[in-house]
Protein backbone atom coordinates (compact mmCIF):
# COMPACT_ATOMS: atom_id res chain seq x y z
CA MET A 1 66.20 24.51 10.37
CA THR A 2 64.47 25.85 13.32
CA PRO A 3 60.75 26.68 13.27
CA ALA A 4 61.46 30.30 13.84
CA ALA A 5 63.37 30.46 10.81
CA CYS A 6 60.80 28.82 8.69
CA LYS A 7 58.52 31.55 9.69
CA ARG A 8 60.83 34.11 8.17
CA ILE A 9 60.82 32.32 4.62
CA PRO A 10 58.40 34.24 2.46
CA ILE A 11 55.92 32.41 0.22
CA SER A 12 56.12 33.50 -3.36
CA SER A 13 52.64 34.86 -5.06
CA ALA A 14 52.89 31.93 -7.78
CA ARG A 15 52.82 29.47 -5.12
CA LEU A 16 49.94 30.99 -3.42
CA SER A 17 48.10 30.94 -6.74
CA ARG A 18 48.86 27.25 -7.31
CA LEU A 19 47.58 26.50 -3.86
CA ALA A 20 44.32 28.40 -4.42
CA LEU A 21 43.73 26.65 -7.85
CA TRP A 22 44.19 23.40 -6.33
CA ALA A 23 41.51 24.19 -3.39
CA ALA A 24 39.18 25.48 -6.06
CA LEU A 25 39.34 22.06 -7.91
CA VAL A 26 38.82 20.01 -4.89
CA ALA A 27 35.83 22.07 -3.83
CA ALA A 28 34.23 21.93 -7.46
CA VAL A 29 34.61 18.00 -7.44
CA ALA A 30 33.14 17.73 -3.92
CA PHE A 31 30.29 19.88 -5.19
CA LEU A 32 29.76 17.83 -8.16
CA ALA A 33 29.88 14.60 -6.17
CA ALA A 34 27.42 15.71 -3.79
CA PRO A 35 23.73 14.61 -4.86
CA VAL A 36 21.83 17.50 -6.23
CA ARG A 37 18.56 18.04 -4.04
CA LEU A 38 15.69 18.79 -5.99
CA VAL A 39 13.20 20.75 -4.42
CA ALA A 40 9.40 20.37 -4.92
CA GLN A 41 9.24 23.68 -7.23
CA ASP A 42 11.69 22.11 -9.59
CA CYS A 43 9.43 19.08 -10.17
CA LEU A 44 6.14 20.88 -9.89
CA ALA A 45 7.00 22.96 -12.83
CA CYS A 46 5.85 19.95 -14.83
CA HIS A 47 3.95 17.67 -12.61
CA GLY A 48 2.01 20.30 -11.28
CA ASP A 49 -0.18 19.98 -14.25
CA ALA A 50 -3.25 17.91 -13.26
CA SER A 51 -3.59 16.82 -16.68
CA MET A 52 -0.19 15.08 -16.90
CA THR A 53 0.42 11.34 -17.34
CA ASN A 54 3.04 9.07 -18.31
CA SER A 55 3.24 6.98 -21.50
CA ALA A 56 0.80 4.21 -20.10
CA GLY A 57 -1.64 6.87 -19.69
CA HIS A 58 -1.36 6.94 -15.67
CA SER A 59 -1.48 10.26 -13.84
CA ILE A 60 1.99 11.43 -12.74
CA ALA A 61 0.49 14.99 -11.44
CA VAL A 62 1.23 15.96 -7.99
CA ASP A 63 -1.08 18.51 -6.23
CA GLY A 64 1.70 21.14 -4.79
CA LYS A 65 -0.55 22.20 -1.84
CA LYS A 66 -1.27 18.70 -0.63
CA PHE A 67 2.22 17.62 -0.91
CA GLU A 68 3.42 20.72 1.10
CA GLN A 69 1.06 19.84 3.87
CA SER A 70 2.21 16.05 3.80
CA ILE A 71 4.57 14.50 6.06
CA HIS A 72 7.07 14.31 3.22
CA GLY A 73 6.57 18.18 2.01
CA ALA A 74 9.97 18.94 3.67
CA LEU A 75 11.71 16.19 1.71
CA GLY A 76 13.44 16.82 -1.74
CA CYS A 77 11.77 14.97 -4.60
CA ASN A 78 14.87 12.48 -5.37
CA THR A 79 15.14 12.13 -1.40
CA CYS A 80 12.72 9.09 -2.55
CA HIS A 81 13.12 9.29 -6.48
CA ALA A 82 16.84 8.54 -5.94
CA ASP A 83 17.50 7.78 -9.63
CA VAL A 84 16.51 11.47 -10.53
CA LYS A 85 19.52 13.70 -10.74
CA GLY A 86 18.01 16.52 -12.52
CA TYR A 87 16.09 17.23 -15.66
CA PRO A 88 15.71 15.79 -18.09
CA HIS A 89 15.15 12.48 -16.25
CA PRO A 90 14.83 9.02 -17.28
CA GLU A 91 11.47 7.95 -18.85
CA LYS A 92 11.19 5.12 -16.41
CA VAL A 93 12.07 6.18 -12.95
CA ALA A 94 12.77 3.19 -10.62
CA PRO A 95 10.20 2.43 -7.98
CA VAL A 96 10.69 4.14 -4.88
CA GLN A 97 12.15 2.21 -1.81
CA CYS A 98 10.32 3.26 1.23
CA GLU A 99 12.39 1.00 3.42
CA LYS A 100 15.27 3.30 3.14
CA CYS A 101 13.75 5.52 5.75
CA HIS A 102 11.36 3.26 7.24
CA ALA A 103 13.46 0.04 7.92
CA ASP A 104 11.54 -1.01 11.15
CA GLN A 105 8.18 -1.29 9.26
CA ALA A 106 9.77 -2.83 6.27
CA ASN A 107 11.20 -5.53 8.45
CA GLN A 108 7.73 -6.02 9.98
CA LEU A 109 6.27 -6.28 6.78
CA LYS A 110 8.76 -9.18 5.67
CA GLY A 111 7.26 -11.69 7.77
CA SER A 112 3.32 -10.47 7.43
CA VAL A 113 0.55 -11.58 5.29
CA HIS A 114 1.16 -8.30 3.25
CA THR A 115 4.69 -9.17 2.70
CA ASP A 116 3.92 -9.29 -1.28
CA SER A 117 4.63 -5.62 -2.27
CA LYS A 118 3.16 -5.88 -5.65
CA ASP A 119 -0.23 -6.38 -4.23
CA HIS A 120 0.43 -4.51 -1.00
CA PRO A 121 2.45 -1.51 -1.52
CA CYS A 122 2.65 1.00 1.26
CA THR A 123 0.34 3.40 -0.46
CA SER A 124 -2.54 0.79 -0.56
CA CYS A 125 -2.80 1.58 2.88
CA HIS A 126 -1.43 5.03 3.57
CA GLY A 127 -2.70 6.58 0.17
CA SER A 128 -0.44 8.79 -2.23
CA ALA A 129 3.11 8.98 -0.81
CA HIS A 130 2.54 12.85 -2.01
CA GLU A 131 -0.42 13.33 0.34
CA ILE A 132 0.32 11.31 3.35
CA THR A 133 -0.49 12.89 6.57
CA PRO A 134 0.49 11.88 10.23
CA LYS A 135 -1.63 9.14 11.74
CA THR A 136 -3.00 11.50 14.11
CA ASP A 137 -4.61 13.80 11.39
CA PRO A 138 -8.14 12.85 10.85
CA THR A 139 -7.67 13.22 7.12
CA SER A 140 -5.08 10.27 7.42
CA ALA A 141 -6.11 6.90 5.87
CA VAL A 142 -4.50 5.43 9.06
CA TYR A 143 -6.28 7.39 11.43
CA PRO A 144 -8.45 5.31 13.87
CA LEU A 145 -11.79 6.27 12.35
CA ASN A 146 -10.41 5.59 8.90
CA VAL A 147 -8.80 2.36 9.41
CA PRO A 148 -11.87 0.15 8.65
CA LYS A 149 -12.63 1.72 5.57
CA THR A 150 -8.91 1.78 4.48
CA CYS A 151 -8.72 -2.06 5.17
CA GLY A 152 -12.19 -2.50 3.64
CA ASN A 153 -10.74 -1.36 0.32
CA CYS A 154 -9.45 -5.15 0.18
CA HIS A 155 -11.26 -7.03 2.61
CA ALA A 156 -14.78 -6.23 1.23
CA ASN A 157 -17.08 -7.47 -1.31
CA ASN A 158 -15.32 -6.00 -4.62
CA GLY A 159 -11.90 -5.75 -3.47
CA MET A 160 -9.13 -8.17 -2.92
CA ALA A 161 -11.46 -10.36 -1.23
CA GLN A 162 -12.62 -11.54 -4.56
CA LYS A 163 -9.18 -11.83 -6.17
CA HIS A 164 -7.59 -13.96 -3.22
CA GLY A 165 -10.62 -15.64 -1.87
CA LEU A 166 -10.47 -13.74 1.34
CA ASP A 167 -13.52 -13.58 3.75
CA SER A 168 -15.40 -10.18 3.21
CA VAL A 169 -15.32 -8.98 6.97
CA TYR A 170 -15.86 -5.22 6.44
CA PRO A 171 -19.54 -5.55 6.21
CA ASN A 172 -19.83 -7.53 9.34
CA TYR A 173 -17.40 -5.39 11.28
CA ILE A 174 -19.06 -2.06 10.42
CA ASP A 175 -22.37 -3.45 11.61
CA SER A 176 -20.95 -4.90 14.86
CA ILE A 177 -20.80 -3.14 18.29
CA HIS A 178 -17.39 -2.12 17.59
CA GLY A 179 -18.06 -0.81 14.07
CA PHE A 180 -21.13 1.08 15.32
CA ALA A 181 -19.10 2.80 18.26
CA LEU A 182 -16.38 3.77 15.75
CA SER A 183 -18.38 5.06 12.80
CA LYS A 184 -21.66 6.20 14.49
CA GLU A 185 -20.32 7.35 17.70
CA GLY A 186 -16.95 8.48 16.88
CA LEU A 187 -15.34 6.57 19.85
CA LEU A 188 -11.57 6.52 19.03
CA VAL A 189 -11.22 3.92 21.93
CA ALA A 190 -13.37 1.37 19.92
CA ALA A 191 -11.45 -1.48 18.39
CA ASN A 192 -10.55 -1.12 14.63
CA CYS A 193 -8.52 -3.58 12.59
CA GLN A 194 -5.42 -2.30 13.63
CA SER A 195 -6.42 -2.81 17.41
CA CYS A 196 -6.65 -6.62 17.02
CA HIS A 197 -4.46 -7.61 13.88
CA GLY A 198 -1.52 -4.86 14.29
CA SER A 199 -0.43 -2.53 11.44
CA HIS A 200 2.89 -3.79 9.62
CA GLY A 201 3.69 -6.99 11.13
CA ILE A 202 0.13 -8.55 10.36
CA LEU A 203 0.29 -12.56 10.82
CA SER A 204 -2.06 -15.34 9.86
CA ARG A 205 -4.21 -16.57 12.49
CA LYS A 206 -2.82 -19.98 12.15
CA ASP A 207 0.46 -18.52 13.23
CA PRO A 208 1.24 -18.99 17.16
CA GLN A 209 2.70 -15.41 17.42
CA SER A 210 -0.39 -13.71 15.98
CA PRO A 211 -2.54 -11.91 18.26
CA THR A 212 -5.48 -13.40 16.75
CA HIS A 213 -4.17 -17.16 17.06
CA LYS A 214 -6.62 -18.65 19.32
CA ALA A 215 -4.55 -19.22 21.97
CA ASN A 216 -3.82 -15.13 22.16
CA ILE A 217 -7.20 -14.05 21.69
CA PRO A 218 -8.13 -13.53 25.31
CA VAL A 219 -5.13 -11.37 26.01
CA THR A 220 -5.85 -9.60 22.69
CA CYS A 221 -9.30 -8.60 23.39
CA GLY A 222 -8.38 -8.14 27.08
CA LYS A 223 -6.22 -5.01 25.93
CA CYS A 224 -9.75 -3.36 26.12
CA HIS A 225 -11.71 -5.67 28.35
CA ALA A 226 -9.49 -6.21 30.94
CA LYS A 227 -12.05 -7.01 33.85
CA ILE A 228 -13.89 -9.46 31.41
CA ASN A 229 -10.51 -11.04 30.65
CA ALA A 230 -9.59 -11.37 34.40
CA ASN A 231 -12.79 -13.15 34.95
CA TYR A 232 -12.28 -15.44 31.80
CA GLN A 233 -8.93 -16.38 33.12
CA MET A 234 -10.23 -17.72 36.37
CA GLY A 235 -13.08 -19.73 34.79
CA VAL A 236 -12.72 -23.26 33.41
CA HIS A 237 -12.52 -21.96 29.84
CA GLY A 238 -9.63 -19.90 30.48
CA GLN A 239 -7.65 -22.35 32.53
CA ALA A 240 -8.04 -24.96 29.83
CA ILE A 241 -6.79 -22.42 27.28
CA ALA A 242 -3.80 -21.63 29.69
CA LYS A 243 -3.05 -25.14 29.66
CA GLY A 244 -2.97 -25.42 25.87
CA ASP A 245 -6.26 -27.03 25.41
CA LEU A 246 -7.55 -25.27 22.23
CA ASN A 247 -10.50 -27.00 22.09
CA ALA A 248 -11.72 -24.62 25.12
CA PRO A 249 -13.98 -21.63 23.78
CA VAL A 250 -12.21 -18.10 23.51
CA CYS A 251 -14.07 -14.92 22.86
CA SER A 252 -14.68 -15.34 19.12
CA ASP A 253 -15.98 -18.75 19.54
CA CYS A 254 -19.08 -17.07 21.45
CA HIS A 255 -18.84 -13.59 20.01
CA THR A 256 -17.60 -14.11 16.65
CA ALA A 257 -14.39 -12.16 15.38
CA HIS A 258 -16.00 -9.33 13.49
CA ALA A 259 -19.92 -9.60 13.69
CA ILE A 260 -19.68 -8.75 17.42
CA LEU A 261 -23.24 -8.06 19.09
CA GLN A 262 -24.09 -6.31 22.00
CA PRO A 263 -24.88 -9.18 24.61
CA THR A 264 -27.98 -7.40 25.94
CA GLU A 265 -29.54 -7.44 22.04
CA SER A 266 -32.32 -9.95 21.59
CA ALA A 267 -30.29 -11.29 18.56
CA PHE A 268 -27.38 -12.34 20.71
CA ARG A 269 -29.70 -13.68 23.80
CA MET A 270 -31.70 -15.82 21.39
CA GLN A 271 -28.51 -17.36 19.87
CA SER A 272 -26.50 -17.82 22.85
CA THR A 273 -27.75 -21.06 23.88
CA PRO A 274 -27.17 -22.92 20.63
CA ILE A 275 -23.48 -21.42 21.07
CA CYS A 276 -23.06 -22.94 24.07
CA GLY A 277 -24.70 -26.00 22.78
CA ASN A 278 -22.14 -26.50 20.09
CA CYS A 279 -19.81 -27.78 22.85
CA HIS A 280 -22.06 -28.92 25.48
CA LYS A 281 -24.41 -31.19 23.31
CA ASP A 282 -25.43 -33.22 26.00
CA LYS A 283 -26.47 -30.13 28.14
CA PHE A 284 -27.98 -28.33 25.28
CA SER A 285 -30.42 -31.34 24.42
CA THR A 286 -31.53 -31.66 28.00
CA TYR A 287 -32.08 -28.02 28.23
CA ARG A 288 -34.28 -27.89 25.25
CA ASP A 289 -36.63 -30.11 27.02
CA THR A 290 -37.12 -27.33 29.84
CA PHE A 291 -39.58 -24.76 30.42
CA HIS A 292 -36.91 -22.41 29.94
CA SER A 293 -35.94 -23.50 26.59
CA GLN A 294 -39.75 -24.20 25.43
CA LEU A 295 -40.81 -20.85 26.54
CA GLY A 296 -37.96 -18.89 24.66
CA SER A 297 -38.75 -21.03 21.73
CA LEU A 298 -42.30 -20.84 21.43
CA GLY A 299 -42.73 -16.90 22.07
CA GLY A 300 -39.23 -15.76 21.61
CA TYR A 301 -38.87 -14.28 25.10
CA VAL A 302 -35.68 -12.57 25.56
CA GLU A 303 -36.16 -12.62 29.47
CA THR A 304 -36.02 -16.28 29.48
CA ALA A 305 -32.97 -17.86 31.23
CA ARG A 306 -30.08 -18.77 28.96
CA CYS A 307 -27.01 -20.59 29.74
CA TRP A 308 -24.94 -17.53 31.00
CA ASP A 309 -27.77 -16.21 33.21
CA CYS A 310 -27.17 -19.24 35.48
CA HIS A 311 -23.52 -20.03 34.82
CA GLU A 312 -22.19 -16.70 34.22
CA ALA A 313 -20.54 -15.59 30.91
CA HIS A 314 -16.89 -15.54 31.54
CA ASP A 315 -16.09 -16.83 34.93
CA VAL A 316 -17.50 -20.11 34.17
CA ARG A 317 -16.79 -22.56 37.33
CA PRO A 318 -17.70 -26.21 37.85
CA THR A 319 -20.69 -26.74 40.11
CA ALA A 320 -18.60 -28.24 43.00
CA ASP A 321 -16.60 -24.67 43.24
CA PRO A 322 -18.04 -22.77 46.15
CA ALA A 323 -18.03 -19.70 44.09
CA SER A 324 -20.05 -21.00 41.22
CA PRO A 325 -23.48 -19.62 40.93
CA VAL A 326 -24.95 -23.10 40.35
CA ASN A 327 -23.30 -24.48 43.51
CA PRO A 328 -26.16 -25.91 45.71
CA ALA A 329 -25.44 -23.45 48.22
CA ASN A 330 -25.91 -20.43 45.76
CA LEU A 331 -28.83 -21.69 43.80
CA VAL A 332 -31.47 -19.57 45.93
CA VAL A 333 -29.53 -16.31 45.15
CA THR A 334 -28.86 -17.39 41.38
CA CYS A 335 -32.60 -18.47 40.72
CA GLY A 336 -33.96 -15.41 42.89
CA ARG A 337 -32.40 -12.99 40.31
CA CYS A 338 -35.46 -13.77 38.18
CA HIS A 339 -37.86 -15.70 40.48
CA ASN A 340 -38.72 -13.42 43.55
CA GLY A 341 -39.20 -15.56 46.72
CA ALA A 342 -36.97 -18.44 45.51
CA ASN A 343 -36.50 -20.90 48.43
CA LEU A 344 -34.88 -24.08 49.05
CA SER A 345 -38.03 -26.17 47.69
CA PHE A 346 -37.89 -23.82 44.45
CA VAL A 347 -34.54 -24.60 43.73
CA GLN A 348 -34.91 -28.50 43.58
CA TYR A 349 -36.13 -27.83 39.95
CA GLN A 350 -33.56 -29.66 37.66
CA PRO A 351 -32.78 -27.47 34.57
CA HIS A 352 -30.79 -30.45 32.94
CA ALA A 353 -32.94 -33.46 34.16
CA ASN A 354 -32.30 -36.38 31.87
CA ALA A 355 -35.28 -38.58 31.47
CA ASN A 356 -32.91 -40.93 29.57
CA ASP A 357 -30.38 -41.29 32.49
CA ARG A 358 -31.57 -43.54 35.09
CA LYS A 359 -28.86 -42.87 37.47
CA LEU A 360 -29.06 -38.99 37.16
CA SER A 361 -32.73 -38.65 37.23
CA PRO A 362 -34.55 -42.30 38.58
CA GLY A 363 -37.77 -40.72 39.34
CA LEU A 364 -38.15 -38.85 35.95
CA TYR A 365 -36.78 -42.07 34.15
CA PHE A 366 -39.15 -44.33 35.53
CA VAL A 367 -42.22 -41.93 34.88
CA ARG A 368 -41.14 -41.31 31.24
CA LEU A 369 -40.88 -45.09 30.84
CA PHE A 370 -44.51 -45.72 32.36
CA MET A 371 -45.81 -42.87 30.32
CA ASN A 372 -44.36 -44.28 27.14
CA LEU A 373 -45.59 -47.66 27.87
CA LEU A 374 -48.90 -46.36 28.59
CA LEU A 375 -49.06 -44.38 25.43
CA ILE A 376 -47.94 -47.42 23.36
CA SER A 377 -50.46 -49.73 25.13
CA VAL A 378 -53.43 -47.44 24.55
CA LEU A 379 -52.37 -46.68 20.77
CA THR A 380 -51.75 -50.52 20.42
CA PHE A 381 -55.23 -51.39 21.83
CA PHE A 382 -56.99 -48.76 19.57
CA ILE A 383 -54.94 -49.66 16.53
CA ILE A 384 -55.98 -53.27 17.18
CA HIS A 385 -59.74 -52.45 18.04
CA THR A 386 -59.88 -50.37 14.88
CA ILE A 387 -58.70 -53.34 12.61
CA LEU A 388 -61.08 -55.85 14.08
CA TRP A 389 -63.85 -53.07 13.69
CA ILE A 390 -63.21 -52.68 9.90
CA ILE A 391 -62.92 -56.34 9.45
CA ARG A 392 -66.28 -56.72 11.22
CA SER A 393 -67.93 -53.89 9.22
CA ARG A 394 -66.86 -55.60 6.22
CA TYR A 395 -67.83 -59.12 7.28
CA ASN A 396 -71.33 -57.63 8.06
CA GLN A 397 -71.54 -55.95 4.52
CA VAL A 398 -70.79 -59.08 2.65
CA LYS A 399 -73.14 -61.26 5.05
CA ALA A 400 -76.11 -58.52 4.39
CA GLY A 401 -75.26 -58.60 0.55
CA LYS A 402 -75.37 -62.25 0.13
CA SER A 403 -78.85 -62.20 2.18
CA GLY A 404 -80.18 -59.68 -0.06
CA ASN A 405 -79.29 -61.57 -3.41
CA GLY A 406 -80.85 -64.82 -2.13
CA GLY A 407 -84.28 -63.20 -1.06
CA ASN A 408 -84.50 -61.85 -4.69
CA HIS A 409 -84.06 -64.95 -6.46
CA ALA A 410 -86.72 -66.54 -4.45
């Protein structure tokens, strides 16, 4: 049969009815099989009541206005509550699986210190799922100004810190130069918890991949302090870390991790020398014998020279390096920062002279030896003299007593 002949064959009305019926059945099945999208108004008819609680007494109320303004406001309720098909719904609703939409963040969490979702659900940081706002919104729990407080809910004196034996770092941070800049000055560029630790893939500082692992700290701090990091990398400390020597100091060894002070503050200057002395014990002991140290210790003078006033703070170089401020060729300039008129004779002063080292300081060694011997000799002479004087005095007393007794008897 030709196509033209097929076009001339009429289709009966009964056949058309059967086709229409099958089409309707297929459409009905497809409609019933598709998930029903429950809009907020459907659920808020019950959950909009602020006093609504579940069988355990926990609130299951939802503020409709806040939900509408949240990032989830455009979603149907059962987009997250997938087991809710309609009303009435099961008494126990399955937990929401955030990873269905936020897969990347969920993968990062799997290897982080917050991987246990029981103690660290998404809402512990982001707040109620019905009220989450974008991180750029000042009301968001993860807005830069609010991050320390959000993390402080656990990392403070009365949160997870006590439960899991964590350090209470929030009070230290909030009083630090970073915390002050953020909370008092409102500087969004100031470092907050997320700046150093990350957000979802937070790793233990013992993990080599962690931004707070000792080897990575200079780079982490260098994201904000680029110039200081460049100077540090050129110094002996940065070069040692680059070679894998983790005994060398990094930013947190000198400035601490959370209780970071302004370097020009008296509190930091007064403790800076002992900080250097933690590693340079031999130099610290000799420094304490010098005029600089004793002046600072006796009067607490902030202006007194500390280690980094002479050696620099970050670009610390060996004395033999021509660029070092303590290279002999640079001492006049270095000392001249504090001592106007410093000359070649002035800089012969030895800030780390060691009276116990004969090779390093022979003159000082023999002067000290002579003075010690002189002191010992004088003290020995007077001790012997005093003992002999006491013996002689006692002898005279006894002799005088016997003479008196003999005279009375006569």
